[in-house]
Amino acid sequence: QYSRRMGDQHQRRRKRRNMKRNDIRDQEERGTSQKVRQHSNSEHDNFVEKNSFPFKRSLRSFANSESFFINVVQSTSTENDDYSALKWSEVSWKDLMTKWDRSTTFPDLIGFSTPILPEESSQERKYATQSSEKPKMILHCLPKTASTTLRTACREHIRAKCAFAKAQKRRPDPYGYRDVDIFYRAVAQCPDVHHYCVQGGDASMTIINYEGPQESDDDSQNSDEEGVESGPHHFVHLIPFRNFDEWAASALRQIYEVDEQCEDIDNLLEHCLGYRELYMELYPKSVLALQIGMALNRNNAVPLGNVYDAHQHHIVLYDYKQIDEIMKKMSVYFDFPPMPETDQEAKKIRAEGTCPEKTLMRFHECHDETLMKVDVIMDLDGERERRHNDAVSAKRIRPRKNRREKPSDGGVAGSN
């Protein structure tokens, strides 16, 4: 039902998107579209200029995946929250695609990267002196990368900082976590909130290439009435890194802890299908490929002439083990208070036991080659359809008695 509902929403969104683009093409014929484009680009250029170090490259400048660069951040000190302990670098997707294998560690990733240095020492200062618009940090939560800690912290933080979010029905996830329209509504209604959590790896969370709120055929409300349009904003997307072997072993152990059996995952891996935390689509390299595809789609699309064209986005990779240090230091650098409770370890104490080694070996037989072939995902509609078809196949394979009503930490949205 969830997959069918999301499919219907995307069909309506495509219809609305095509109508808007047709309108813009009509404007071009009348000679008015150029003014819209000039206005949008002018706002964007001014915004980029304000946000120099360490975001020296604009995502808008990347024409294809080979020229795409991602920021990398690491903390070099645990003694205090001084932002000067943050070290920045950048790495090309081309290098990540070919070099990021199952043995890659975060130090290896730093080795693939090129340091980003300020042109002069005075440039490395609080972000507030560079821009009047403080950015929004978006934490893409992925299983086995401290996602439970982050979701809990985000949920309580948003409720504490935003009366609008607190007034909504209380849910296990943070406000705006699973729905892109609600996410942008949270951004508009909660100006004092600068930390957000979203479901990472979800092909429906099109934050980077968002085009406006979902509208049904009989909904005449515009984006202002819906309360989702504000900005432009600078969004910093943080994606965690974890070694592939460690991630897979931890995810399998979590499955065993919840299910207390390995029959389901064994049956699904016979067909190389994902389950619970152990979806290939939820590994950070796959998530990065999805976000880059969204960014390139945005760059190649006909400008809509609205505020969503003017939003600025950057993608940052970080070591998941440093999440508390990174969050605190980046918050200080951007000149707003850190989000509390990011130092908690929600799943530090875990039950003993895991599935047999043969189960883990089977996963690697399925996906080690997949890991090395991961490339940017440009066809989002096709990707959603593929995930939906995999979900249908998985339901046929799993015994009905073993099915759960709700996935645990991190099922792929649109395919559960």
Protein backbone atom coordinates (compact mmCIF):
# COMPACT_ATOMS: atom_id res chain seq x y z
CA GLN A 1 0.00 0.00 0.00
CA TYR A 2 2.82 2.39 0.83
CA SER A 3 4.56 1.65 -2.47
CA ARG A 4 1.34 2.14 -4.43
CA ARG A 5 0.60 5.44 -2.65
CA MET A 6 4.12 6.75 -3.32
CA GLY A 7 3.80 5.69 -6.97
CA ASP A 8 0.57 7.63 -7.34
CA GLN A 9 2.15 10.68 -5.73
CA HIS A 10 5.08 10.59 -8.13
CA GLN A 11 2.77 10.28 -11.11
CA ARG A 12 0.90 13.39 -9.98
CA ARG A 13 4.19 15.16 -9.31
CA ARG A 14 5.48 14.31 -12.80
CA LYS A 15 2.23 15.61 -14.31
CA ARG A 16 2.53 18.89 -12.35
CA ARG A 17 6.24 19.18 -13.19
CA ASN A 18 5.61 18.72 -16.91
CA MET A 19 2.82 21.30 -16.83
CA LYS A 20 5.15 23.84 -15.19
CA ARG A 21 7.91 23.14 -17.69
CA ASN A 22 5.48 23.52 -20.59
CA ASP A 23 4.43 26.87 -19.14
CA ILE A 24 8.06 27.96 -18.99
CA ARG A 25 8.66 26.88 -22.59
CA ASP A 26 5.67 28.96 -23.60
CA GLN A 27 7.21 31.89 -21.74
CA GLU A 28 10.44 31.39 -23.66
CA GLU A 29 8.57 31.71 -26.90
CA ARG A 30 7.16 35.01 -25.66
CA GLY A 31 10.61 36.18 -24.61
CA THR A 32 9.90 36.33 -20.88
CA SER A 33 11.62 33.21 -19.65
CA GLN A 34 15.05 34.78 -19.88
CA LYS A 35 14.12 37.28 -17.18
CA VAL A 36 13.07 34.45 -14.87
CA ARG A 37 16.29 32.59 -15.51
CA GLN A 38 18.45 35.68 -15.02
CA HIS A 39 16.70 36.44 -11.72
CA SER A 40 17.14 32.87 -10.49
CA ASN A 41 20.80 32.67 -11.52
CA SER A 42 21.54 36.07 -9.99
CA GLU A 43 20.15 34.99 -6.63
CA HIS A 44 22.07 31.72 -6.89
CA ASP A 45 25.39 33.37 -7.81
CA ASN A 46 25.12 35.83 -4.92
CA PHE A 47 24.30 32.98 -2.57
CA VAL A 48 27.29 30.92 -3.68
CA GLU A 49 29.58 33.91 -3.29
CA LYS A 50 28.55 34.24 0.35
CA ASN A 51 29.37 30.61 1.04
CA SER A 52 32.99 30.24 0.01
CA PHE A 53 35.23 28.22 2.32
CA PRO A 54 34.95 25.25 2.52
CA PHE A 55 32.22 25.02 -0.16
CA LYS A 56 34.21 26.43 -3.04
CA ARG A 57 32.46 24.44 -5.74
CA SER A 58 28.78 24.82 -6.47
CA LEU A 59 26.79 21.68 -7.23
CA ARG A 60 25.26 23.72 -10.05
CA SER A 61 28.63 23.77 -11.82
CA PHE A 62 28.76 19.99 -12.31
CA ALA A 63 27.56 18.93 -15.76
CA ASN A 64 28.16 15.19 -15.36
CA SER A 65 29.25 12.56 -12.85
CA GLU A 66 32.90 12.60 -13.95
CA SER A 67 33.23 16.26 -12.97
CA PHE A 68 31.30 15.88 -9.70
CA PHE A 69 33.16 16.58 -6.43
CA ILE A 70 32.04 15.77 -2.88
CA ASN A 71 33.29 17.47 0.28
CA VAL A 72 34.88 15.38 3.01
CA VAL A 73 35.21 16.51 6.62
CA GLN A 74 37.18 15.04 9.53
CA SER A 75 37.87 16.10 13.08
CA THR A 76 41.50 16.11 14.13
CA SER A 77 40.95 16.79 17.82
CA THR A 78 38.59 15.56 20.53
CA GLU A 79 39.77 18.03 23.17
CA ASN A 80 37.23 20.78 22.48
CA ASP A 81 34.56 21.96 20.05
CA ASP A 82 36.83 24.44 18.26
CA TYR A 83 35.89 24.42 14.57
CA SER A 84 39.53 24.91 13.60
CA ALA A 85 39.97 21.19 14.31
CA LEU A 86 37.84 20.46 11.24
CA LYS A 87 39.87 19.50 8.20
CA TRP A 88 38.21 19.72 4.81
CA SER A 89 38.98 18.00 1.54
CA GLU A 90 37.19 17.07 -1.66
CA VAL A 91 37.06 13.91 -3.72
CA SER A 92 35.74 13.26 -7.20
CA TRP A 93 32.95 10.77 -7.75
CA LYS A 94 35.11 9.26 -10.50
CA ASP A 95 37.74 8.32 -7.90
CA LEU A 96 35.19 7.08 -5.38
CA MET A 97 33.42 4.94 -7.95
CA THR A 98 36.59 3.07 -8.92
CA LYS A 99 38.50 3.02 -5.61
CA TRP A 100 35.82 2.56 -2.91
CA ASP A 101 35.76 -1.22 -2.42
CA ARG A 102 34.87 -3.52 0.49
CA SER A 103 38.18 -2.91 2.27
CA THR A 104 38.15 0.91 2.00
CA THR A 105 38.45 2.74 5.33
CA PHE A 106 37.92 6.42 6.09
CA PRO A 107 41.70 7.12 6.13
CA ASP A 108 41.79 5.50 2.68
CA LEU A 109 39.04 7.86 1.55
CA ILE A 110 41.02 10.84 2.85
CA GLY A 111 43.92 9.51 0.79
CA PHE A 112 41.75 9.70 -2.35
CA SER A 113 40.90 13.32 -1.52
CA THR A 114 42.55 16.71 -2.06
CA PRO A 115 42.77 19.12 0.92
CA ILE A 116 40.67 22.29 0.77
CA LEU A 117 42.60 25.18 2.27
CA PRO A 118 41.47 28.76 2.78
CA GLU A 119 43.24 31.27 0.58
CA GLU A 120 44.35 33.09 3.72
CA SER A 121 44.01 32.32 7.41
CA SER A 122 41.48 35.09 7.95
CA GLN A 123 39.02 33.26 5.72
CA GLU A 124 38.75 30.34 8.11
CA ARG A 125 36.39 32.01 10.50
CA LYS A 126 32.87 31.59 11.73
CA TYR A 127 30.44 31.06 8.93
CA ALA A 128 28.22 33.85 10.28
CA THR A 129 30.75 36.44 9.18
CA GLN A 130 30.50 35.14 5.61
CA SER A 131 26.74 34.83 5.26
CA SER A 132 23.62 36.22 6.88
CA GLU A 133 21.84 32.97 6.05
CA LYS A 134 22.85 30.17 8.37
CA PRO A 135 22.73 26.77 6.67
CA LYS A 136 20.53 23.80 7.41
CA MET A 137 22.38 20.59 8.20
CA ILE A 138 20.60 17.54 6.79
CA LEU A 139 21.65 14.23 8.32
CA HIS A 140 20.95 11.33 5.99
CA CYS A 141 20.29 8.51 8.46
CA LEU A 142 21.46 5.08 7.35
CA PRO A 143 21.38 1.78 9.26
CA LYS A 144 24.47 0.86 11.28
CA THR A 145 25.89 4.40 11.14
CA ALA A 146 24.50 5.79 14.44
CA SER A 147 21.11 6.42 12.82
CA THR A 148 19.07 5.53 15.94
CA THR A 149 21.03 8.06 17.98
CA LEU A 150 20.55 10.74 15.33
CA ARG A 151 16.83 10.10 14.79
CA THR A 152 16.15 10.32 18.51
CA ALA A 153 18.21 13.50 18.88
CA CYS A 154 16.56 15.14 15.85
CA ARG A 155 13.04 14.24 16.95
CA GLU A 156 13.43 15.81 20.38
CA HIS A 157 15.45 18.76 19.08
CA ILE A 158 12.85 19.79 16.49
CA ARG A 159 10.01 19.44 18.97
CA ALA A 160 11.88 21.55 21.50
CA LYS A 161 12.85 24.30 19.03
CA CYS A 162 9.69 24.51 16.93
CA ALA A 163 6.15 24.97 18.27
CA PHE A 164 4.71 24.07 14.87
CA ALA A 165 6.44 20.66 14.86
CA LYS A 166 5.53 20.04 18.50
CA ALA A 167 1.86 20.63 17.68
CA GLN A 168 1.89 17.80 15.13
CA LYS A 169 1.03 14.23 16.05
CA ARG A 170 3.98 12.67 17.85
CA ARG A 171 5.67 9.97 15.80
CA PRO A 172 8.74 7.74 16.31
CA ASP A 173 10.63 9.60 13.58
CA PRO A 174 11.58 13.30 13.46
CA TYR A 175 9.16 15.68 11.78
CA GLY A 176 9.80 15.65 8.02
CA TYR A 177 11.89 12.47 8.15
CA ARG A 178 10.09 10.41 5.49
CA ASP A 179 8.18 12.94 3.36
CA VAL A 180 9.89 15.62 1.25
CA ASP A 181 6.86 17.94 1.31
CA ILE A 182 6.70 17.77 5.10
CA PHE A 183 10.47 18.31 5.27
CA TYR A 184 10.19 21.59 3.38
CA ARG A 185 7.20 22.56 5.49
CA ALA A 186 9.35 22.01 8.58
CA VAL A 187 12.10 24.22 7.13
CA ALA A 188 9.57 26.99 6.44
CA GLN A 189 7.75 26.74 9.77
CA CYS A 190 10.80 26.14 11.99
CA PRO A 191 13.32 28.92 11.21
CA ASP A 192 15.23 28.30 14.46
CA VAL A 193 15.95 24.67 13.59
CA HIS A 194 19.24 24.05 11.78
CA HIS A 195 19.56 20.27 12.19
CA TYR A 196 17.27 17.88 10.33
CA CYS A 197 17.25 14.13 9.90
CA VAL A 198 15.88 12.39 6.82
CA GLN A 199 15.59 8.78 5.75
CA GLY A 200 18.77 8.19 3.79
CA GLY A 201 18.65 6.09 0.64
CA ASP A 202 15.00 6.92 -0.01
CA ALA A 203 14.46 7.64 -3.70
CA SER A 204 11.36 9.65 -2.78
CA MET A 205 13.25 12.15 -0.57
CA THR A 206 14.08 14.44 -3.48
CA ILE A 207 15.34 17.36 -1.40
CA ILE A 208 18.06 18.41 -3.84
CA ASN A 209 15.82 18.43 -6.92
CA TYR A 210 12.58 19.39 -5.18
CA GLU A 211 10.14 21.33 -7.36
CA GLY A 212 7.34 22.23 -4.98
CA PRO A 213 4.70 20.68 -2.73
CA GLN A 214 2.64 17.69 -3.78
CA GLU A 215 -0.73 18.72 -5.13
CA SER A 216 -3.68 16.49 -5.92
CA ASP A 217 -5.86 17.18 -8.95
CA ASP A 218 -8.46 18.97 -6.82
CA ASP A 219 -6.00 20.88 -4.64
CA SER A 220 -5.83 24.54 -5.64
CA GLN A 221 -3.58 25.69 -2.80
CA ASN A 222 -0.23 27.12 -3.79
CA SER A 223 3.07 26.62 -2.01
CA ASP A 224 2.71 29.77 0.10
CA GLU A 225 -0.65 28.57 1.43
CA GLU A 226 0.85 25.20 2.16
CA GLY A 227 3.63 26.92 4.10
CA VAL A 228 6.55 25.08 2.50
CA GLU A 229 8.23 27.87 0.52
CA SER A 230 10.97 29.85 2.23
CA GLY A 231 14.54 30.82 1.59
CA PRO A 232 16.62 30.52 -0.38
CA HIS A 233 18.49 28.25 2.02
CA HIS A 234 21.89 26.60 2.08
CA PHE A 235 21.49 22.87 2.74
CA VAL A 236 24.51 20.84 3.83
CA HIS A 237 23.79 17.14 3.28
CA LEU A 238 25.84 14.92 5.59
CA ILE A 239 26.28 11.30 4.52
CA PRO A 240 28.11 8.88 6.84
CA PHE A 241 30.94 6.63 5.76
CA ARG A 242 31.45 3.11 7.10
CA ASN A 243 33.62 0.29 5.82
CA PHE A 244 31.56 -2.13 3.72
CA ASP A 245 32.62 -5.31 5.54
CA GLU A 246 31.93 -3.79 8.96
CA TRP A 247 28.59 -2.40 7.82
CA ALA A 248 27.37 -5.72 6.41
CA ALA A 249 28.45 -7.72 9.48
CA SER A 250 26.77 -5.23 11.85
CA ALA A 251 23.55 -5.21 9.79
CA LEU A 252 23.41 -9.01 9.79
CA ARG A 253 23.90 -9.10 13.54
CA GLN A 254 21.03 -6.63 13.95
CA ILE A 255 18.76 -8.84 11.83
CA TYR A 256 19.59 -11.83 14.02
CA GLU A 257 18.93 -9.81 17.17
CA VAL A 258 15.45 -8.79 15.96
CA ASP A 259 14.35 -11.99 14.20
CA GLU A 260 16.17 -14.52 16.38
CA GLN A 261 16.55 -16.61 13.24
CA CYS A 262 18.28 -16.40 9.85
CA GLU A 263 15.79 -18.22 7.65
CA ASP A 264 14.31 -15.08 6.12
CA ILE A 265 17.59 -13.40 5.24
CA ASP A 266 19.00 -16.69 3.90
CA ASN A 267 15.98 -17.17 1.63
CA LEU A 268 16.13 -13.60 0.34
CA LEU A 269 19.87 -13.70 -0.27
CA GLU A 270 19.33 -16.73 -2.51
CA HIS A 271 17.80 -14.13 -4.83
CA CYS A 272 20.21 -11.32 -3.79
CA LEU A 273 17.32 -9.33 -2.29
CA GLY A 274 17.63 -6.94 0.65
CA TYR A 275 16.03 -7.27 4.07
CA ARG A 276 15.75 -4.93 7.06
CA GLU A 277 19.10 -3.13 7.48
CA LEU A 278 20.85 -5.24 4.86
CA TYR A 279 19.75 -3.44 1.69
CA MET A 280 22.51 -2.60 -0.75
CA GLU A 281 20.56 0.59 -1.47
CA LEU A 282 21.22 1.70 2.11
CA TYR A 283 25.00 1.44 1.98
CA PRO A 284 26.60 4.94 1.92
CA LYS A 285 28.18 4.57 -1.53
CA SER A 286 24.77 3.72 -3.03
CA VAL A 287 23.15 6.62 -1.17
CA LEU A 288 25.82 8.98 -2.46
CA ALA A 289 25.15 7.79 -6.02
CA LEU A 290 21.45 8.53 -5.53
CA GLN A 291 22.10 12.07 -4.23
CA ILE A 292 24.49 12.86 -7.08
CA GLY A 293 21.89 11.66 -9.58
CA MET A 294 19.32 13.98 -8.01
CA ALA A 295 21.76 16.89 -8.20
CA LEU A 296 22.53 16.26 -11.87
CA ASN A 297 18.83 15.94 -12.66
CA ARG A 298 18.33 19.33 -11.02
CA ASN A 299 21.14 20.85 -13.06
CA ASN A 300 19.76 19.49 -16.33
CA ALA A 301 16.13 20.46 -15.68
CA VAL A 302 14.39 23.49 -17.13
CA PRO A 303 14.47 26.21 -14.42
CA LEU A 304 11.14 26.66 -12.68
CA GLY A 305 11.83 30.24 -11.64
CA ASN A 306 10.85 29.62 -8.00
CA VAL A 307 12.72 29.61 -4.70
CA TYR A 308 13.65 25.92 -5.09
CA ASP A 309 15.90 26.89 -8.00
CA ALA A 310 17.76 29.28 -5.70
CA HIS A 311 18.43 26.82 -2.85
CA GLN A 312 22.11 25.93 -2.51
CA HIS A 313 23.13 22.32 -1.73
CA HIS A 314 26.41 20.69 -0.77
CA ILE A 315 27.19 17.04 -0.04
CA VAL A 316 29.63 16.15 2.74
CA LEU A 317 31.01 12.72 3.66
CA TYR A 318 32.10 12.07 7.25
CA ASP A 319 33.25 9.15 9.38
CA TYR A 320 30.19 7.89 11.28
CA LYS A 321 32.37 7.21 14.33
CA GLN A 322 33.01 10.96 14.60
CA ILE A 323 29.38 12.05 14.38
CA ASP A 324 29.30 13.79 17.77
CA GLU A 325 32.55 15.69 17.14
CA ILE A 326 31.55 16.62 13.59
CA MET A 327 28.11 17.83 14.65
CA LYS A 328 29.44 20.01 17.44
CA LYS A 329 32.32 21.52 15.50
CA MET A 330 30.30 22.19 12.36
CA SER A 331 27.54 23.81 14.43
CA VAL A 332 30.08 26.10 16.10
CA TYR A 333 31.54 26.95 12.71
CA PHE A 334 28.10 27.76 11.28
CA ASP A 335 27.39 29.79 14.43
CA PHE A 336 24.39 28.04 15.91
CA PRO A 337 24.06 25.80 18.99
CA PRO A 338 24.89 22.11 18.52
CA MET A 339 22.05 19.61 18.58
CA PRO A 340 21.97 17.86 21.99
CA GLU A 341 22.29 14.12 22.56
CA THR A 342 24.46 13.26 19.55
CA ASP A 343 26.95 11.66 21.93
CA GLN A 344 24.54 8.89 22.91
CA GLU A 345 25.17 5.34 21.73
CA ALA A 346 21.68 3.91 21.33
CA LYS A 347 22.79 0.40 20.42
CA LYS A 348 26.05 0.12 22.30
CA ILE A 349 24.74 -2.80 24.35
CA ARG A 350 23.64 -5.56 22.01
CA ALA A 351 22.72 -9.20 22.40
CA GLU A 352 25.28 -11.83 21.58
CA GLY A 353 25.12 -13.91 18.44
CA THR A 354 24.67 -13.45 14.72
CA CYS A 355 23.87 -15.46 11.61
CA PRO A 356 26.33 -18.06 10.33
CA GLU A 357 29.35 -16.99 8.33
CA LYS A 358 27.83 -18.57 5.21
CA THR A 359 25.02 -16.00 5.32
CA LEU A 360 27.50 -13.12 5.31
CA MET A 361 29.49 -14.81 2.55
CA ARG A 362 26.32 -15.08 0.49
CA PHE A 363 25.71 -11.35 0.86
CA HIS A 364 29.22 -10.60 -0.39
CA GLU A 365 28.76 -13.01 -3.30
CA CYS A 366 25.70 -11.00 -4.26
CA HIS A 367 27.01 -7.49 -3.75
CA ASP A 368 30.81 -7.17 -3.79
CA GLU A 369 30.64 -6.73 -7.55
CA THR A 370 27.61 -4.46 -7.16
CA LEU A 371 29.66 -2.21 -4.88
CA MET A 372 32.28 -1.69 -7.58
CA LYS A 373 29.67 -1.01 -10.27
CA VAL A 374 27.70 1.59 -8.30
CA ASP A 375 27.20 4.68 -10.44
CA VAL A 376 25.01 7.76 -10.24
CA ILE A 377 21.28 7.09 -10.47
CA MET A 378 19.75 9.44 -13.00
CA ASP A 379 16.54 7.55 -13.76
CA LEU A 380 14.72 8.04 -10.45
CA ASP A 381 11.38 6.75 -11.76
CA GLY A 382 13.06 3.59 -13.02
CA GLU A 383 14.89 3.19 -9.69
CA ARG A 384 11.63 3.45 -7.74
CA GLU A 385 10.01 0.89 -10.01
CA ARG A 386 12.95 -1.50 -9.59
CA ARG A 387 12.78 -1.23 -5.81
CA HIS A 388 9.03 -1.77 -5.87
CA ASN A 389 9.46 -4.91 -7.98
CA ASP A 390 12.13 -6.22 -5.59
CA ALA A 391 9.74 -5.65 -2.68
CA VAL A 392 7.02 -7.61 -4.44
CA SER A 393 9.46 -10.47 -5.07
CA ALA A 394 10.59 -10.43 -1.43
CA LYS A 395 7.01 -10.74 -0.16
CA ARG A 396 6.51 -13.81 -2.33
CA ILE A 397 9.66 -15.41 -0.95
CA ARG A 398 9.23 -14.73 2.76
CA PRO A 399 6.84 -17.03 4.65
CA ARG A 400 3.75 -15.04 5.64
CA LYS A 401 4.09 -16.10 9.28
CA ASN A 402 7.50 -14.42 9.44
CA ARG A 403 6.46 -11.07 7.99
CA ARG A 404 6.53 -8.06 10.26
CA GLU A 405 4.13 -5.13 10.08
CA LYS A 406 6.89 -2.54 10.26
CA PRO A 407 10.54 -2.75 9.17
CA SER A 408 13.19 -2.09 11.75
CA ASP A 409 16.00 0.44 11.35
CA GLY A 410 16.09 1.44 7.73
CA GLY A 411 13.95 -0.42 5.18
CA VAL A 412 14.03 1.12 1.70
CA ALA A 413 11.09 3.46 1.32
CA GLY A 414 8.96 2.64 -1.67
CA SER A 415 9.98 -1.01 -1.52
CA ASN A 416 8.76 -2.22 1.86
